[in-house]
């Protein structure tokens, strides 16, 4: 994922959203964690830290590592759980 290109899109005023995975439950050592997938408005990125910033469900500010982000697309104003 080209974070610098995404940063330039944000700087130029393009509104973007991200679809990402987040842990919802730990199933023990042998099974790992279960993940949910949702989309939210992309607020900012850090090229140096390889992080994306959003508000979980539009409320709580969070950051995501690059490996948690599934895709970055133009923001259509629709945010949801998958």
C-alpha atoms as a PDB file:
ATOM      1  CA  UNK A   1       0.000   0.000   0.000  1.00  0.00           C
ATOM      2  CA  UNK A   2       1.460   3.361  -1.031  1.00  0.00           C
ATOM      3  CA  UNK A   3       0.905   5.472   2.103  1.00  0.00           C
ATOM      4  CA  UNK A   4       2.701   8.501   0.607  1.00  0.00           C
ATOM      5  CA  UNK A   5       0.271   8.523  -2.336  1.00  0.00           C
ATOM      6  CA  UNK A   6      -2.686   8.257   0.054  1.00  0.00           C
ATOM      7  CA  UNK A   7      -1.265  11.152   2.074  1.00  0.00           C
ATOM      8  CA  UNK A   8      -1.040  13.261  -1.088  1.00  0.00           C
ATOM      9  CA  UNK A   9      -4.670  12.488  -1.920  1.00  0.00           C
ATOM     10  CA  UNK A  10      -5.713  13.673   1.555  1.00  0.00           C
ATOM     11  CA  UNK A  11      -3.544  16.820   1.295  1.00  0.00           C
ATOM     12  CA  UNK A  12      -5.145  17.650  -2.063  1.00  0.00           C
ATOM     13  CA  UNK A  13      -8.571  17.569  -0.382  1.00  0.00           C
ATOM     14  CA  UNK A  14      -9.839  14.184  -1.508  1.00  0.00           C
ATOM     15  CA  UNK A  15     -12.101  12.532   1.054  1.00  0.00           C
ATOM     16  CA  UNK A  16     -11.311   8.860   1.611  1.00  0.00           C
ATOM     17  CA  UNK A  17     -12.578   5.984   3.701  1.00  0.00           C
ATOM     18  CA  UNK A  18     -10.858   2.816   4.823  1.00  0.00           C
ATOM     19  CA  UNK A  19     -12.018  -0.735   5.244  1.00  0.00           C
ATOM     20  CA  UNK A  20     -10.072  -2.439   8.014  1.00  0.00           C
ATOM     21  CA  UNK A  21     -10.029  -5.395  10.362  1.00  0.00           C
ATOM     22  CA  UNK A  22     -10.017  -5.140  14.134  1.00  0.00           C
ATOM     23  CA  UNK A  23      -9.897  -7.761  16.913  1.00  0.00           C
ATOM     24  CA  UNK A  24     -13.260  -8.587  18.457  1.00  0.00           C
ATOM     25  CA  UNK A  25     -12.488 -11.708  20.496  1.00  0.00           C
ATOM     26  CA  UNK A  26      -9.555 -13.797  21.592  1.00  0.00           C
ATOM     27  CA  UNK A  27     -10.118 -17.518  21.157  1.00  0.00           C
ATOM     28  CA  UNK A  28      -7.159 -18.841  23.099  1.00  0.00           C
ATOM     29  CA  UNK A  29      -3.585 -19.490  22.106  1.00  0.00           C
ATOM     30  CA  UNK A  30      -4.198 -22.196  19.556  1.00  0.00           C
ATOM     31  CA  UNK A  31      -6.945 -20.377  17.663  1.00  0.00           C
ATOM     32  CA  UNK A  32      -5.787 -16.732  17.731  1.00  0.00           C
ATOM     33  CA  UNK A  33      -8.116 -13.762  17.614  1.00  0.00           C
ATOM     34  CA  UNK A  34     -11.358 -13.303  15.707  1.00  0.00           C
ATOM     35  CA  UNK A  35     -11.653 -10.143  13.663  1.00  0.00           C
ATOM     36  CA  UNK A  36     -14.429  -7.832  12.604  1.00  0.00           C
ATOM     37  CA  UNK A  37     -14.314  -5.742   9.438  1.00  0.00           C
ATOM     38  CA  UNK A  38     -15.743  -2.269   9.048  1.00  0.00           C
ATOM     39  CA  UNK A  39     -15.307   0.982   7.145  1.00  0.00           C
ATOM     40  CA  UNK A  40     -14.872   4.514   8.499  1.00  0.00           C
ATOM     41  CA  UNK A  41     -13.742   7.907   7.241  1.00  0.00           C
ATOM     42  CA  UNK A  42      -9.966   8.217   6.857  1.00  0.00           C
ATOM     43  CA  UNK A  43      -8.806  11.230   8.863  1.00  0.00           C
ATOM     44  CA  UNK A  44      -5.021  11.176   8.410  1.00  0.00           C
ATOM     45  CA  UNK A  45      -1.988   8.990   7.775  1.00  0.00           C
ATOM     46  CA  UNK A  46       1.593   8.855   9.023  1.00  0.00           C
ATOM     47  CA  UNK A  47       4.061   7.816   6.343  1.00  0.00           C
ATOM     48  CA  UNK A  48       6.882   7.468   8.875  1.00  0.00           C
ATOM     49  CA  UNK A  49       4.915   5.271  11.307  1.00  0.00           C
ATOM     50  CA  UNK A  50       2.895   3.504   8.571  1.00  0.00           C
ATOM     51  CA  UNK A  51      -0.345   4.282  10.414  1.00  0.00           C
ATOM     52  CA  UNK A  52      -3.840   5.303   9.430  1.00  0.00           C
ATOM     53  CA  UNK A  53      -6.094   7.412  11.659  1.00  0.00           C
ATOM     54  CA  UNK A  54      -9.869   7.178  11.846  1.00  0.00           C
ATOM     55  CA  UNK A  55     -12.717   7.263  14.369  1.00  0.00           C
ATOM     56  CA  UNK A  56     -14.076   3.812  15.230  1.00  0.00           C
ATOM     57  CA  UNK A  57     -17.806   3.913  14.458  1.00  0.00           C
ATOM     58  CA  UNK A  58     -17.394   7.662  14.009  1.00  0.00           C
ATOM     59  CA  UNK A  59     -16.775   8.185  17.727  1.00  0.00           C
ATOM     60  CA  UNK A  60     -13.508   6.930  19.251  1.00  0.00           C
ATOM     61  CA  UNK A  61     -10.230   8.046  17.622  1.00  0.00           C
ATOM     62  CA  UNK A  62      -7.998   5.089  16.748  1.00  0.00           C
ATOM     63  CA  UNK A  63      -4.907   4.367  14.692  1.00  0.00           C
ATOM     64  CA  UNK A  64      -4.358   1.325  12.509  1.00  0.00           C
ATOM     65  CA  UNK A  65      -1.167  -0.329  11.345  1.00  0.00           C
ATOM     66  CA  UNK A  66      -0.801  -0.808   7.613  1.00  0.00           C
ATOM     67  CA  UNK A  67      -1.405  -4.574   7.933  1.00  0.00           C
ATOM     68  CA  UNK A  68      -4.883  -3.946   9.411  1.00  0.00           C
ATOM     69  CA  UNK A  69      -6.070  -1.866   6.442  1.00  0.00           C
ATOM     70  CA  UNK A  70      -7.838  -3.807   3.705  1.00  0.00           C
ATOM     71  CA  UNK A  71      -8.474  -0.973   1.258  1.00  0.00           C
ATOM     72  CA  UNK A  72      -8.650   2.805   0.856  1.00  0.00           C
ATOM     73  CA  UNK A  73     -11.407   4.103  -1.430  1.00  0.00           C
ATOM     74  CA  UNK A  74     -13.171   7.400  -2.173  1.00  0.00           C
ATOM     75  CA  UNK A  75     -15.502   8.362   0.679  1.00  0.00           C
ATOM     76  CA  UNK A  76     -19.145   7.908  -0.284  1.00  0.00           C
ATOM     77  CA  UNK A  77     -20.378   8.743   3.237  1.00  0.00           C
ATOM     78  CA  UNK A  78     -21.447   5.157   3.973  1.00  0.00           C
ATOM     79  CA  UNK A  79     -19.672   3.446   6.872  1.00  0.00           C
ATOM     80  CA  UNK A  80     -20.588  -0.039   8.051  1.00  0.00           C
ATOM     81  CA  UNK A  81     -19.719  -3.364   9.630  1.00  0.00           C
ATOM     82  CA  UNK A  82     -19.149  -6.224   7.177  1.00  0.00           C
END
